[in-house]
Protein backbone atom coordinates (compact mmCIF):
# COMPACT_ATOMS: atom_id res chain seq x y z
CA UNK A 1 48.32 -27.56 -252.91
CA UNK A 2 46.91 -28.38 -249.48
CA UNK A 3 49.05 -31.02 -247.77
CA UNK A 4 47.28 -31.05 -244.38
CA UNK A 5 43.69 -30.24 -243.50
CA UNK A 6 42.34 -30.37 -239.96
CA UNK A 7 38.56 -30.30 -239.59
CA UNK A 8 36.69 -29.70 -236.32
CA UNK A 9 39.25 -31.56 -234.22
CA UNK A 10 38.25 -32.26 -230.64
CA UNK A 11 40.02 -34.20 -227.89
CA UNK A 12 38.56 -34.99 -224.50
CA UNK A 13 40.44 -36.98 -221.89
CA UNK A 14 38.61 -38.78 -219.12
CA UNK A 15 40.51 -39.04 -215.85
CA UNK A 16 41.15 -42.52 -214.55
CA UNK A 17 39.65 -41.95 -211.14
CA UNK A 18 36.43 -40.03 -210.83
CA UNK A 19 35.72 -39.94 -214.55
CA UNK A 20 36.21 -36.19 -214.86
CA UNK A 21 36.54 -34.93 -218.41
CA UNK A 22 39.24 -32.55 -219.57
CA UNK A 23 38.88 -30.93 -222.96
CA UNK A 24 42.32 -30.57 -224.55
CA UNK A 25 41.16 -29.47 -228.02
CA UNK A 26 37.93 -27.88 -229.14
CA UNK A 27 36.85 -27.42 -232.76
CA UNK A 28 40.37 -26.95 -234.18
CA UNK A 29 40.34 -26.20 -237.90
CA UNK A 30 43.21 -25.21 -240.19
CA UNK A 31 45.02 -26.19 -243.36
CA UNK A 32 48.66 -26.20 -244.40
CA UNK A 33 49.84 -25.67 -247.95
CA UNK A 34 52.82 -27.54 -249.37
CA UNK A 35 56.04 -25.70 -248.46
CA UNK A 36 54.33 -23.64 -245.76
CA UNK A 37 55.71 -23.35 -242.22
CA UNK A 38 53.19 -23.21 -239.39
CA UNK A 39 53.87 -22.55 -235.70
CA UNK A 40 51.39 -23.54 -233.03
CA UNK A 41 51.83 -21.34 -229.99
CA UNK A 42 50.18 -21.27 -226.60
CA UNK A 43 50.85 -21.51 -222.93
CA UNK A 44 51.75 -24.74 -221.16
CA UNK A 45 48.79 -27.10 -220.99
CA UNK A 46 46.96 -25.51 -223.92
CA UNK A 47 46.94 -28.68 -226.05
CA UNK A 48 49.90 -28.13 -228.40
CA UNK A 49 51.51 -31.52 -227.78
CA UNK A 50 48.10 -33.21 -227.88
CA UNK A 51 47.47 -31.65 -231.29
CA UNK A 52 50.88 -32.74 -232.61
CA UNK A 53 50.37 -36.28 -231.32
CA UNK A 54 47.01 -36.47 -233.08
CA UNK A 55 48.46 -35.02 -236.31
CA UNK A 56 51.21 -37.66 -236.14
CA UNK A 57 48.57 -40.38 -235.62
CA UNK A 58 50.11 -41.24 -232.25
CA UNK A 59 46.77 -40.46 -230.58
CA UNK A 60 43.19 -40.37 -231.85
CA UNK A 61 40.82 -37.41 -231.71
CA UNK A 62 37.51 -37.63 -229.91
CA UNK A 63 35.91 -36.02 -232.97
CA UNK A 64 36.92 -34.38 -236.22
CA UNK A 65 39.11 -35.41 -239.13
CA UNK A 66 42.66 -34.99 -240.40
CA UNK A 67 43.47 -35.24 -244.09
CA UNK A 68 47.03 -35.67 -245.34
CA UNK A 69 47.21 -35.19 -249.11
CA UNK A 70 43.43 -35.56 -249.14
CA UNK A 71 43.46 -38.93 -247.36
CA UNK A 72 41.68 -39.19 -244.02
CA UNK A 73 43.86 -40.60 -241.25
CA UNK A 74 40.69 -42.20 -239.85
CA UNK A 75 40.50 -44.42 -242.95
CA UNK A 76 43.95 -45.92 -242.42
CA UNK A 77 43.78 -49.30 -240.74
CA UNK A 78 45.72 -49.71 -237.50
CA UNK A 79 48.14 -52.27 -238.93
CA UNK A 80 48.98 -49.89 -241.82
CA UNK A 81 49.43 -46.86 -239.56
CA UNK A 82 53.09 -47.48 -238.65
CA UNK A 83 54.08 -47.68 -242.31
CA UNK A 84 52.00 -44.58 -243.06
CA UNK A 85 53.76 -42.62 -240.28
CA UNK A 86 57.17 -43.87 -241.34
CA UNK A 87 56.64 -43.02 -245.02
CA UNK A 88 54.82 -39.68 -244.70
CA UNK A 89 55.68 -38.02 -241.39
CA UNK A 90 58.87 -36.78 -239.79
CA UNK A 91 58.53 -36.10 -236.08
CA UNK A 92 61.00 -34.31 -233.82
CA UNK A 93 60.04 -35.16 -230.26
CA UNK A 94 60.42 -32.66 -227.43
CA UNK A 95 62.83 -35.01 -225.63
CA UNK A 96 64.33 -36.30 -228.93
CA UNK A 97 63.51 -40.01 -228.24
CA UNK A 98 67.00 -41.19 -229.19
CA UNK A 99 67.94 -44.71 -228.08
CA UNK A 100 70.97 -44.60 -225.77
CA UNK A 101 72.15 -48.05 -226.90
CA UNK A 102 72.34 -46.90 -230.55
CA UNK A 103 74.91 -44.54 -232.04
CA UNK A 104 73.57 -41.30 -233.49
CA UNK A 105 73.96 -42.82 -236.96
CA UNK A 106 71.93 -45.89 -236.00
CA UNK A 107 69.25 -43.69 -234.39
CA UNK A 108 69.00 -41.70 -237.63
CA UNK A 109 68.95 -44.87 -239.76
CA UNK A 110 66.16 -46.48 -237.72
CA UNK A 111 63.17 -45.43 -239.88
CA UNK A 112 65.06 -46.52 -243.02
CA UNK A 113 65.94 -49.88 -241.46
CA UNK A 114 62.24 -50.37 -240.70
CA UNK A 115 61.55 -49.55 -244.36
CA UNK A 116 64.12 -52.19 -245.37
CA UNK A 117 66.33 -49.73 -247.26
CA UNK A 118 69.80 -50.86 -248.26
CA UNK A 119 72.83 -49.69 -246.30
CA UNK A 120 74.06 -47.88 -249.42
CA UNK A 121 70.80 -45.93 -249.69
CA UNK A 122 70.84 -45.11 -245.99
CA UNK A 123 74.39 -43.75 -246.12
CA UNK A 124 73.73 -41.78 -249.31
CA UNK A 125 70.72 -40.13 -247.67
CA UNK A 126 72.55 -39.47 -244.41
CA UNK A 127 75.67 -37.80 -245.84
CA UNK A 128 74.10 -34.54 -247.08
CA UNK A 129 71.77 -34.21 -244.08
CA UNK A 130 74.57 -34.80 -241.55
CA UNK A 131 76.77 -32.30 -243.38
CA UNK A 132 74.08 -29.59 -243.39
CA UNK A 133 73.31 -30.19 -239.71
CA UNK A 134 76.98 -30.24 -238.71
CA UNK A 135 76.90 -33.71 -237.13
CA UNK A 136 78.93 -35.72 -239.64
CA UNK A 137 81.90 -36.00 -237.27
CA UNK A 138 79.88 -37.30 -234.30
CA UNK A 139 77.69 -39.97 -235.93
CA UNK A 140 79.58 -42.80 -234.19
CA UNK A 141 78.90 -41.29 -230.75
CA UNK A 142 76.04 -42.31 -228.49
CA UNK A 143 73.37 -39.85 -227.27
CA UNK A 144 74.84 -39.74 -223.75
CA UNK A 145 78.18 -38.61 -225.25
CA UNK A 146 76.88 -35.49 -227.02
CA UNK A 147 75.30 -32.16 -226.11
CA UNK A 148 71.59 -31.40 -226.10
CA UNK A 149 71.95 -29.38 -229.31
CA UNK A 150 73.71 -32.28 -231.03
CA UNK A 151 70.96 -34.66 -229.89
CA UNK A 152 68.41 -32.24 -231.29
CA UNK A 153 70.20 -32.14 -234.66
CA UNK A 154 70.33 -35.95 -234.74
CA UNK A 155 66.57 -36.01 -234.06
CA UNK A 156 66.04 -33.55 -236.93
CA UNK A 157 68.17 -35.75 -239.21
CA UNK A 158 66.07 -38.80 -238.26
CA UNK A 159 62.88 -36.85 -239.07
CA UNK A 160 64.20 -35.71 -242.46
CA UNK A 161 65.97 -38.86 -243.69
CA UNK A 162 62.77 -40.51 -244.94
CA UNK A 163 61.92 -37.46 -247.11
CA UNK A 164 58.54 -37.08 -245.37
CA UNK A 165 55.60 -35.13 -246.77
CA UNK A 166 55.11 -33.42 -243.40
CA UNK A 167 57.54 -32.60 -240.58
CA UNK A 168 56.15 -32.06 -237.07
CA UNK A 169 58.31 -30.73 -234.23
CA UNK A 170 57.32 -30.45 -230.57
CA UNK A 171 58.94 -27.45 -228.80
CA UNK A 172 61.42 -26.86 -231.63
CA UNK A 173 62.62 -23.35 -230.70
CA UNK A 174 66.25 -23.81 -231.77
CA UNK A 175 65.66 -26.11 -234.72
CA UNK A 176 63.20 -24.20 -236.87
CA UNK A 177 66.00 -22.69 -238.98
CA UNK A 178 67.72 -26.09 -239.35
CA UNK A 179 64.51 -27.73 -240.55
CA UNK A 180 63.79 -24.90 -243.00
CA UNK A 181 67.29 -25.07 -244.50
CA UNK A 182 67.13 -28.83 -244.94
CA UNK A 183 63.66 -28.91 -246.45
CA UNK A 184 64.84 -26.54 -249.21
CA UNK A 185 67.20 -29.24 -250.62
């Protein structure tokens, strides 16, 4: 079953001063089957992060369409987009995007809090993920108190805790194996 379909995706940025146009993506087409792992590779500046941001509905394409489970992202109204992202997508950001004023546990819980899940449900979802990722003993720590690898695992846990249909990771190098192991529940 096709979970993601990208059709003729194009992204052009216009510079603020001078109005020059920079084409970041040109006629990108591909599909991803359920359970499939896909890596997008290319040199710096080739549009990988732009593509991921568009797939995560954090940015809009200049042209083309993205279908998740057959539903066009273009058809989702702006006020429904946050809930759509939260319920369907797990995103591991290149710089992790953990909040320094929250413990790792609270950072991981954040999408579930926004979904109004009970504390019992949040903790029952967190336990197995934290155990598999080896972060159960550091959940009370803050991001500035842990290593880069531990931050990365907390970011993976946050992406997986909602049981998303699609997980996107920007510059994941060291986490691909962790994500694969945890998606095979």
